[in-house]
Amino acid sequence: MKWRDVREIAIELAEAHPGVAPLTVRFTDLHAWIVALPGFDDAPDRSNEKVLEAIQMAWLDEVED
């Protein structure tokens, strides 16, 4: 997975952190959780606030469905 794989990352986060409300997660923690996901293979410094926000919103969509 790369940073651009927003939906796939969101699915993995939902599975790895069940019961967590995505909007309560700080971006610093979110970044660390993403980098630690199995299969994530991108440079940690290639993310930015816009990417993290997109992932957080996709994660929210996953847990609300």
PDB file of N, CA and C in Angstrom:
ATOM      1  N   MET A   1       0.835  -1.177   0.000  1.00  0.00           N
ATOM      2  CA  MET A   1       0.000   0.000   0.000  1.00  0.00           C
ATOM      3  C   MET A   1       0.882   1.243   0.000  1.00  0.00           C
ATOM      4  N   LYS A   2       0.397   2.233  -0.682  1.00  0.00           N
ATOM      5  CA  LYS A   2       1.047   3.544  -0.733  1.00  0.00           C
ATOM      6  C   LYS A   2       0.076   4.575  -0.160  1.00  0.00           C
ATOM      7  N   TRP A   3       0.568   5.779   0.077  1.00  0.00           N
ATOM      8  CA  TRP A   3      -0.276   6.842   0.615  1.00  0.00           C
ATOM      9  C   TRP A   3      -1.496   7.103  -0.260  1.00  0.00           C
ATOM     10  N   ARG A   4      -1.368   6.900  -1.546  1.00  0.00           N
ATOM     11  CA  ARG A   4      -2.478   7.162  -2.461  1.00  0.00           C
ATOM     12  C   ARG A   4      -3.610   6.127  -2.352  1.00  0.00           C
ATOM     13  N   ASP A   5      -3.365   5.008  -1.689  1.00  0.00           N
ATOM     14  CA  ASP A   5      -4.357   3.944  -1.540  1.00  0.00           C
ATOM     15  C   ASP A   5      -5.274   4.228  -0.348  1.00  0.00           C
ATOM     16  N   VAL A   6      -5.949   5.343  -0.423  1.00  0.00           N
ATOM     17  CA  VAL A   6      -6.746   5.862   0.696  1.00  0.00           C
ATOM     18  C   VAL A   6      -7.793   4.863   1.171  1.00  0.00           C
ATOM     19  N   ARG A   7      -8.575   4.317   0.279  1.00  0.00           N
ATOM     20  CA  ARG A   7      -9.664   3.406   0.660  1.00  0.00           C
ATOM     21  C   ARG A   7      -9.100   2.127   1.283  1.00  0.00           C
ATOM     22  N   GLU A   8      -8.069   1.578   0.691  1.00  0.00           N
ATOM     23  CA  GLU A   8      -7.466   0.351   1.220  1.00  0.00           C
ATOM     24  C   GLU A   8      -6.881   0.584   2.615  1.00  0.00           C
ATOM     25  N   ILE A   9      -6.231   1.707   2.807  1.00  0.00           N
ATOM     26  CA  ILE A   9      -5.692   2.049   4.125  1.00  0.00           C
ATOM     27  C   ILE A   9      -6.821   2.185   5.134  1.00  0.00           C
ATOM     28  N   ALA A  10      -7.905   2.832   4.732  1.00  0.00           N
ATOM     29  CA  ALA A  10      -9.052   3.012   5.625  1.00  0.00           C
ATOM     30  C   ALA A  10      -9.635   1.668   6.061  1.00  0.00           C
ATOM     31  N   ILE A  11      -9.748   0.742   5.139  1.00  0.00           N
ATOM     32  CA  ILE A  11     -10.261  -0.598   5.461  1.00  0.00           C
ATOM     33  C   ILE A  11      -9.334  -1.287   6.458  1.00  0.00           C
ATOM     34  N   GLU A  12      -8.044  -1.204   6.203  1.00  0.00           N
ATOM     35  CA  GLU A  12      -7.064  -1.826   7.101  1.00  0.00           C
ATOM     36  C   GLU A  12      -7.111  -1.196   8.492  1.00  0.00           C
ATOM     37  N   LEU A  13      -7.262   0.108   8.571  1.00  0.00           N
ATOM     38  CA  LEU A  13      -7.359   0.777   9.869  1.00  0.00           C
ATOM     39  C   LEU A  13      -8.610   0.335  10.626  1.00  0.00           C
ATOM     40  N   ALA A  14      -9.725   0.228   9.911  1.00  0.00           N
ATOM     41  CA  ALA A  14     -10.971  -0.211  10.544  1.00  0.00           C
ATOM     42  C   ALA A  14     -10.828  -1.613  11.125  1.00  0.00           C
ATOM     43  N   GLU A  15     -10.111  -2.473  10.413  1.00  0.00           N
ATOM     44  CA  GLU A  15      -9.904  -3.840  10.896  1.00  0.00           C
ATOM     45  C   GLU A  15      -8.888  -3.891  12.038  1.00  0.00           C
ATOM     46  N   ALA A  16      -7.859  -3.063  11.963  1.00  0.00           N
ATOM     47  CA  ALA A  16      -6.794  -3.080  12.971  1.00  0.00           C
ATOM     48  C   ALA A  16      -7.195  -2.378  14.271  1.00  0.00           C
ATOM     49  N   HIS A  17      -8.137  -1.444  14.172  1.00  0.00           N
ATOM     50  CA  HIS A  17      -8.525  -0.651  15.347  1.00  0.00           C
ATOM     51  C   HIS A  17     -10.047  -0.603  15.485  1.00  0.00           C
ATOM     52  N   PRO A  18     -10.667  -1.771  15.716  1.00  0.00           N
ATOM     53  CA  PRO A  18     -12.126  -1.795  15.849  1.00  0.00           C
ATOM     54  C   PRO A  18     -12.564  -1.007  17.080  1.00  0.00           C
ATOM     55  N   GLY A  19     -13.670  -0.336  16.952  1.00  0.00           N
ATOM     56  CA  GLY A  19     -14.206   0.415  18.079  1.00  0.00           C
ATOM     57  C   GLY A  19     -13.610   1.796  18.264  1.00  0.00           C
ATOM     58  N   VAL A  20     -12.603   2.134  17.458  1.00  0.00           N
ATOM     59  CA  VAL A  20     -11.999   3.456  17.554  1.00  0.00           C
ATOM     60  C   VAL A  20     -12.781   4.427  16.675  1.00  0.00           C
ATOM     61  N   ALA A  21     -13.148   5.563  17.222  1.00  0.00           N
ATOM     62  CA  ALA A  21     -13.821   6.598  16.442  1.00  0.00           C
ATOM     63  C   ALA A  21     -12.750   7.365  15.660  1.00  0.00           C
ATOM     64  N   PRO A  22     -12.751   7.266  14.331  1.00  0.00           N
ATOM     65  CA  PRO A  22     -11.692   7.874  13.529  1.00  0.00           C
ATOM     66  C   PRO A  22     -11.449   9.358  13.801  1.00  0.00           C
ATOM     67  N   LEU A  23     -12.493  10.105  14.080  1.00  0.00           N
ATOM     68  CA  LEU A  23     -12.330  11.543  14.286  1.00  0.00           C
ATOM     69  C   LEU A  23     -11.661  11.891  15.614  1.00  0.00           C
ATOM     70  N   THR A  24     -11.491  10.902  16.486  1.00  0.00           N
ATOM     71  CA  THR A  24     -10.826  11.151  17.768  1.00  0.00           C
ATOM     72  C   THR A  24      -9.315  10.895  17.691  1.00  0.00           C
ATOM     73  N   VAL A  25      -8.855  10.394  16.560  1.00  0.00           N
ATOM     74  CA  VAL A  25      -7.444  10.036  16.415  1.00  0.00           C
ATOM     75  C   VAL A  25      -6.648  11.245  15.922  1.00  0.00           C
ATOM     76  N   ARG A  26      -5.613  11.592  16.661  1.00  0.00           N
ATOM     77  CA  ARG A  26      -4.745  12.700  16.242  1.00  0.00           C
ATOM     78  C   ARG A  26      -3.964  12.286  14.993  1.00  0.00           C
ATOM     79  N   PHE A  27      -3.627  13.245  14.160  1.00  0.00           N
ATOM     80  CA  PHE A  27      -2.898  12.943  12.930  1.00  0.00           C
ATOM     81  C   PHE A  27      -1.552  12.291  13.206  1.00  0.00           C
ATOM     82  N   THR A  28      -0.903  12.652  14.299  1.00  0.00           N
ATOM     83  CA  THR A  28       0.384  12.021  14.616  1.00  0.00           C
ATOM     84  C   THR A  28       0.204  10.532  14.889  1.00  0.00           C
ATOM     85  N   ASP A  29      -0.869  10.183  15.613  1.00  0.00           N
ATOM     86  CA  ASP A  29      -1.157   8.775  15.872  1.00  0.00           C
ATOM     87  C   ASP A  29      -1.606   8.071  14.595  1.00  0.00           C
ATOM     88  N   LEU A  30      -2.459   8.736  13.830  1.00  0.00           N
ATOM     89  CA  LEU A  30      -2.935   8.163  12.581  1.00  0.00           C
ATOM     90  C   LEU A  30      -1.760   7.834  11.658  1.00  0.00           C
ATOM     91  N   HIS A  31      -0.845   8.754  11.547  1.00  0.00           N
ATOM     92  CA  HIS A  31       0.344   8.543  10.715  1.00  0.00           C
ATOM     93  C   HIS A  31       1.106   7.304  11.183  1.00  0.00           C
ATOM     94  N   ALA A  32       1.330   7.198  12.478  1.00  0.00           N
ATOM     95  CA  ALA A  32       2.067   6.055  13.031  1.00  0.00           C
ATOM     96  C   ALA A  32       1.332   4.748  12.787  1.00  0.00           C
ATOM     97  N   TRP A  33       0.018   4.754  12.947  1.00  0.00           N
ATOM     98  CA  TRP A  33      -0.770   3.547  12.719  1.00  0.00           C
ATOM     99  C   TRP A  33      -0.711   3.117  11.257  1.00  0.00           C
ATOM    100  N   ILE A  34      -0.757   4.062  10.348  1.00  0.00           N
ATOM    101  CA  ILE A  34      -0.704   3.744   8.919  1.00  0.00           C
ATOM    102  C   ILE A  34       0.649   3.148   8.561  1.00  0.00           C
ATOM    103  N   VAL A  35       1.703   3.791   9.001  1.00  0.00           N
ATOM    104  CA  VAL A  35       3.054   3.308   8.683  1.00  0.00           C
ATOM    105  C   VAL A  35       3.270   1.898   9.245  1.00  0.00           C
ATOM    106  N   ALA A  36       2.614   1.570  10.356  1.00  0.00           N
ATOM    107  CA  ALA A  36       2.762   0.260  10.986  1.00  0.00           C
ATOM    108  C   ALA A  36       1.879  -0.827  10.366  1.00  0.00           C
ATOM    109  N   LEU A  37       0.977  -0.460   9.463  1.00  0.00           N
ATOM    110  CA  LEU A  37       0.096  -1.462   8.862  1.00  0.00           C
ATOM    111  C   LEU A  37       0.891  -2.479   8.053  1.00  0.00           C
ATOM    112  N   PRO A  38       0.518  -3.761   8.176  1.00  0.00           N
ATOM    113  CA  PRO A  38       1.160  -4.764   7.333  1.00  0.00           C
ATOM    114  C   PRO A  38       0.864  -4.453   5.864  1.00  0.00           C
ATOM    115  N   GLY A  39       1.850  -4.519   5.047  1.00  0.00           N
ATOM    116  CA  GLY A  39       1.647  -4.248   3.631  1.00  0.00           C
ATOM    117  C   GLY A  39       1.836  -2.799   3.238  1.00  0.00           C
ATOM    118  N   PHE A  40       1.986  -1.911   4.223  1.00  0.00           N
ATOM    119  CA  PHE A  40       2.235  -0.516   3.876  1.00  0.00           C
ATOM    120  C   PHE A  40       3.693  -0.374   3.487  1.00  0.00           C
ATOM    121  N   ASP A  41       3.909   0.158   2.296  1.00  0.00           N
ATOM    122  CA  ASP A  41       5.273   0.228   1.768  1.00  0.00           C
ATOM    123  C   ASP A  41       5.481   1.542   1.025  1.00  0.00           C
ATOM    124  N   ASP A  42       5.515   2.617   1.786  1.00  0.00           N
ATOM    125  CA  ASP A  42       5.768   3.932   1.198  1.00  0.00           C
ATOM    126  C   ASP A  42       6.607   4.722   2.200  1.00  0.00           C
ATOM    127  N   ALA A  43       7.229   5.755   1.726  1.00  0.00           N
ATOM    128  CA  ALA A  43       8.063   6.583   2.595  1.00  0.00           C
ATOM    129  C   ALA A  43       7.178   7.325   3.595  1.00  0.00           C
ATOM    130  N   PRO A  44       7.477   7.207   4.878  1.00  0.00           N
ATOM    131  CA  PRO A  44       6.661   7.878   5.897  1.00  0.00           C
ATOM    132  C   PRO A  44       6.560   9.384   5.693  1.00  0.00           C
ATOM    133  N   ASP A  45       7.585   9.997   5.141  1.00  0.00           N
ATOM    134  CA  ASP A  45       7.577  11.452   4.984  1.00  0.00           C
ATOM    135  C   ASP A  45       6.838  11.930   3.739  1.00  0.00           C
ATOM    136  N   ARG A  46       6.226  11.031   3.000  1.00  0.00           N
ATOM    137  CA  ARG A  46       5.485  11.423   1.799  1.00  0.00           C
ATOM    138  C   ARG A  46       4.041  11.802   2.093  1.00  0.00           C
ATOM    139  N   SER A  47       3.632  11.695   3.334  1.00  0.00           N
ATOM    140  CA  SER A  47       2.260  12.074   3.684  1.00  0.00           C
ATOM    141  C   SER A  47       2.207  13.561   4.016  1.00  0.00           C
ATOM    142  N   ASN A  48       0.980  14.065   4.065  1.00  0.00           N
ATOM    143  CA  ASN A  48       0.761  15.434   4.507  1.00  0.00           C
ATOM    144  C   ASN A  48      -0.623  15.499   5.137  1.00  0.00           C
ATOM    145  N   GLU A  49      -0.992  16.650   5.634  1.00  0.00           N
ATOM    146  CA  GLU A  49      -2.274  16.791   6.327  1.00  0.00           C
ATOM    147  C   GLU A  49      -3.455  16.445   5.416  1.00  0.00           C
ATOM    148  N   LYS A  50      -3.375  16.830   4.157  1.00  0.00           N
ATOM    149  CA  LYS A  50      -4.459  16.557   3.210  1.00  0.00           C
ATOM    150  C   LYS A  50      -4.654  15.046   3.024  1.00  0.00           C
ATOM    151  N   VAL A  51      -3.571  14.320   2.892  1.00  0.00           N
ATOM    152  CA  VAL A  51      -3.642  12.859   2.719  1.00  0.00           C
ATOM    153  C   VAL A  51      -4.202  12.210   3.983  1.00  0.00           C
ATOM    154  N   LEU A  52      -3.696  12.622   5.138  1.00  0.00           N
ATOM    155  CA  LEU A  52      -4.180  12.048   6.391  1.00  0.00           C
ATOM    156  C   LEU A  52      -5.660  12.339   6.607  1.00  0.00           C
ATOM    157  N   GLU A  53      -6.093  13.532   6.249  1.00  0.00           N
ATOM    158  CA  GLU A  53      -7.510  13.867   6.382  1.00  0.00           C
ATOM    159  C   GLU A  53      -8.361  13.008   5.455  1.00  0.00           C
ATOM    160  N   ALA A  54      -7.905  12.785   4.244  1.00  0.00           N
ATOM    161  CA  ALA A  54      -8.642  11.934   3.298  1.00  0.00           C
ATOM    162  C   ALA A  54      -8.759  10.505   3.821  1.00  0.00           C
ATOM    163  N   ILE A  55      -7.678  10.011   4.401  1.00  0.00           N
ATOM    164  CA  ILE A  55      -7.702   8.662   4.974  1.00  0.00           C
ATOM    165  C   ILE A  55      -8.653   8.614   6.166  1.00  0.00           C
ATOM    166  N   GLN A  56      -8.594   9.622   7.004  1.00  0.00           N
ATOM    167  CA  GLN A  56      -9.475   9.670   8.174  1.00  0.00           C
ATOM    168  C   GLN A  56     -10.945   9.690   7.758  1.00  0.00           C
ATOM    169  N   MET A  57     -11.284  10.448   6.732  1.00  0.00           N
ATOM    170  CA  MET A  57     -12.667  10.521   6.260  1.00  0.00           C
ATOM    171  C   MET A  57     -13.105   9.194   5.633  1.00  0.00           C
ATOM    172  N   ALA A  58     -12.207   8.555   4.903  1.00  0.00           N
ATOM    173  CA  ALA A  58     -12.528   7.245   4.316  1.00  0.00           C
ATOM    174  C   ALA A  58     -12.720   6.209   5.410  1.00  0.00           C
ATOM    175  N   TRP A  59     -11.901   6.288   6.453  1.00  0.00           N
ATOM    176  CA  TRP A  59     -12.043   5.389   7.593  1.00  0.00           C
ATOM    177  C   TRP A  59     -13.386   5.620   8.275  1.00  0.00           C
ATOM    178  N   LEU A  60     -13.774   6.866   8.434  1.00  0.00           N
ATOM    179  CA  LEU A  60     -15.066   7.189   9.019  1.00  0.00           C
ATOM    180  C   LEU A  60     -16.192   6.580   8.185  1.00  0.00           C
ATOM    181  N   ASP A  61     -16.089   6.696   6.865  1.00  0.00           N
ATOM    182  CA  ASP A  61     -17.088   6.076   5.984  1.00  0.00           C
ATOM    183  C   ASP A  61     -17.162   4.568   6.187  1.00  0.00           C
ATOM    184  N   GLU A  62     -16.017   3.943   6.369  1.00  0.00           N
ATOM    185  CA  GLU A  62     -15.980   2.487   6.578  1.00  0.00           C
ATOM    186  C   GLU A  62     -16.704   2.083   7.851  1.00  0.00           C
ATOM    187  N   VAL A  63     -16.468   2.788   8.922  1.00  0.00           N
ATOM    188  CA  VAL A  63     -17.071   2.373  10.201  1.00  0.00           C
ATOM    189  C   VAL A  63     -18.538   2.791  10.311  1.00  0.00           C
ATOM    190  N   GLU A  64     -18.961   3.758   9.513  1.00  0.00           N
ATOM    191  CA  GLU A  64     -20.363   4.185   9.549  1.00  0.00           C
ATOM    192  C   GLU A  64     -21.248   3.295   8.689  1.00  0.00           C
ATOM    193  N   ASP A  65     -20.675   2.580   7.752  1.00  0.00           N
ATOM    194  CA  ASP A  65     -21.477   1.708   6.869  1.00  0.00           C
ATOM    195  C   ASP A  65     -21.856   0.412   7.537  1.00  0.00           C
TER     196      ASP A  65
END
